[in-house]
């Protein structure tokens, strides 16, 4: 079974989507935090959401 069909990949993707929804009203928005979580790690994506400012 390939990496994309792995249950671990779907769990990783789900966690990244949840973190991106937390950052929906933050500076980078949903897509910014989703890509940050995917490229870095969900933990670093969550830290980015926590320390970032609200949208102005």
C-alpha atoms as a PDB file:
ATOM      1  CA  UNK A   1       0.000   0.000   0.000  1.00  0.00           C
ATOM      2  CA  UNK A   2       1.341   3.451  -0.927  1.00  0.00           C
ATOM      3  CA  UNK A   3       1.952   6.384   1.353  1.00  0.00           C
ATOM      4  CA  UNK A   4      -1.141   8.291   0.170  1.00  0.00           C
ATOM      5  CA  UNK A   5      -3.449   5.363   0.953  1.00  0.00           C
ATOM      6  CA  UNK A   6      -1.937   4.827   4.393  1.00  0.00           C
ATOM      7  CA  UNK A   7      -4.245   5.449   7.368  1.00  0.00           C
ATOM      8  CA  UNK A   8      -1.399   7.400   8.993  1.00  0.00           C
ATOM      9  CA  UNK A   9      -1.433   9.872   6.105  1.00  0.00           C
ATOM     10  CA  UNK A  10      -5.173  10.454   6.519  1.00  0.00           C
ATOM     11  CA  UNK A  11      -4.760  11.030  10.263  1.00  0.00           C
ATOM     12  CA  UNK A  12      -1.873  13.454   9.594  1.00  0.00           C
ATOM     13  CA  UNK A  13      -3.979  15.288   7.019  1.00  0.00           C
ATOM     14  CA  UNK A  14      -6.975  15.458   9.374  1.00  0.00           C
ATOM     15  CA  UNK A  15      -4.834  16.917  12.161  1.00  0.00           C
ATOM     16  CA  UNK A  16      -3.447  19.522   9.741  1.00  0.00           C
ATOM     17  CA  UNK A  17      -6.981  20.471   8.662  1.00  0.00           C
ATOM     18  CA  UNK A  18      -8.105  20.851  12.282  1.00  0.00           C
ATOM     19  CA  UNK A  19      -5.133  23.134  13.005  1.00  0.00           C
ATOM     20  CA  UNK A  20      -5.901  25.157   9.874  1.00  0.00           C
ATOM     21  CA  UNK A  21      -9.482  25.689  11.064  1.00  0.00           C
ATOM     22  CA  UNK A  22      -8.104  27.089  14.337  1.00  0.00           C
ATOM     23  CA  UNK A  23      -6.125  29.596  12.288  1.00  0.00           C
ATOM     24  CA  UNK A  24      -9.031  30.598  10.053  1.00  0.00           C
ATOM     25  CA  UNK A  25      -9.307  34.093  11.553  1.00  0.00           C
ATOM     26  CA  UNK A  26      -5.579  34.551  12.102  1.00  0.00           C
ATOM     27  CA  UNK A  27      -3.023  36.365   9.969  1.00  0.00           C
ATOM     28  CA  UNK A  28      -2.177  33.566   7.489  1.00  0.00           C
ATOM     29  CA  UNK A  29      -5.706  32.218   7.202  1.00  0.00           C
ATOM     30  CA  UNK A  30      -6.864  28.651   6.669  1.00  0.00           C
ATOM     31  CA  UNK A  31      -4.697  27.850   3.646  1.00  0.00           C
ATOM     32  CA  UNK A  32      -1.542  29.369   5.102  1.00  0.00           C
ATOM     33  CA  UNK A  33      -1.742  27.326   8.266  1.00  0.00           C
ATOM     34  CA  UNK A  34      -2.737  24.195   6.360  1.00  0.00           C
ATOM     35  CA  UNK A  35       0.350  24.426   4.153  1.00  0.00           C
ATOM     36  CA  UNK A  36       2.541  25.305   7.141  1.00  0.00           C
ATOM     37  CA  UNK A  37       1.240  22.269   9.028  1.00  0.00           C
ATOM     38  CA  UNK A  38       1.731  19.993   6.042  1.00  0.00           C
ATOM     39  CA  UNK A  39       5.223  21.221   5.198  1.00  0.00           C
ATOM     40  CA  UNK A  40       6.592  21.607   8.728  1.00  0.00           C
ATOM     41  CA  UNK A  41       4.672  19.472  11.234  1.00  0.00           C
ATOM     42  CA  UNK A  42       1.252  19.805  12.831  1.00  0.00           C
ATOM     43  CA  UNK A  43       2.942  20.720  16.111  1.00  0.00           C
ATOM     44  CA  UNK A  44       4.814  23.650  14.547  1.00  0.00           C
ATOM     45  CA  UNK A  45       1.648  24.643  12.689  1.00  0.00           C
ATOM     46  CA  UNK A  46      -0.213  24.752  15.996  1.00  0.00           C
ATOM     47  CA  UNK A  47       2.538  26.866  17.543  1.00  0.00           C
ATOM     48  CA  UNK A  48       2.267  29.278  14.614  1.00  0.00           C
ATOM     49  CA  UNK A  49      -1.489  29.546  15.184  1.00  0.00           C
ATOM     50  CA  UNK A  50      -0.993  30.213  18.880  1.00  0.00           C
ATOM     51  CA  UNK A  51       1.606  32.976  18.478  1.00  0.00           C
ATOM     52  CA  UNK A  52       0.086  34.733  15.459  1.00  0.00           C
ATOM     53  CA  UNK A  53      -2.121  37.806  15.614  1.00  0.00           C
ATOM     54  CA  UNK A  54      -5.727  38.142  14.587  1.00  0.00           C
ATOM     55  CA  UNK A  55      -6.540  39.437  11.105  1.00  0.00           C
ATOM     56  CA  UNK A  56      -6.954  43.174  10.978  1.00  0.00           C
END
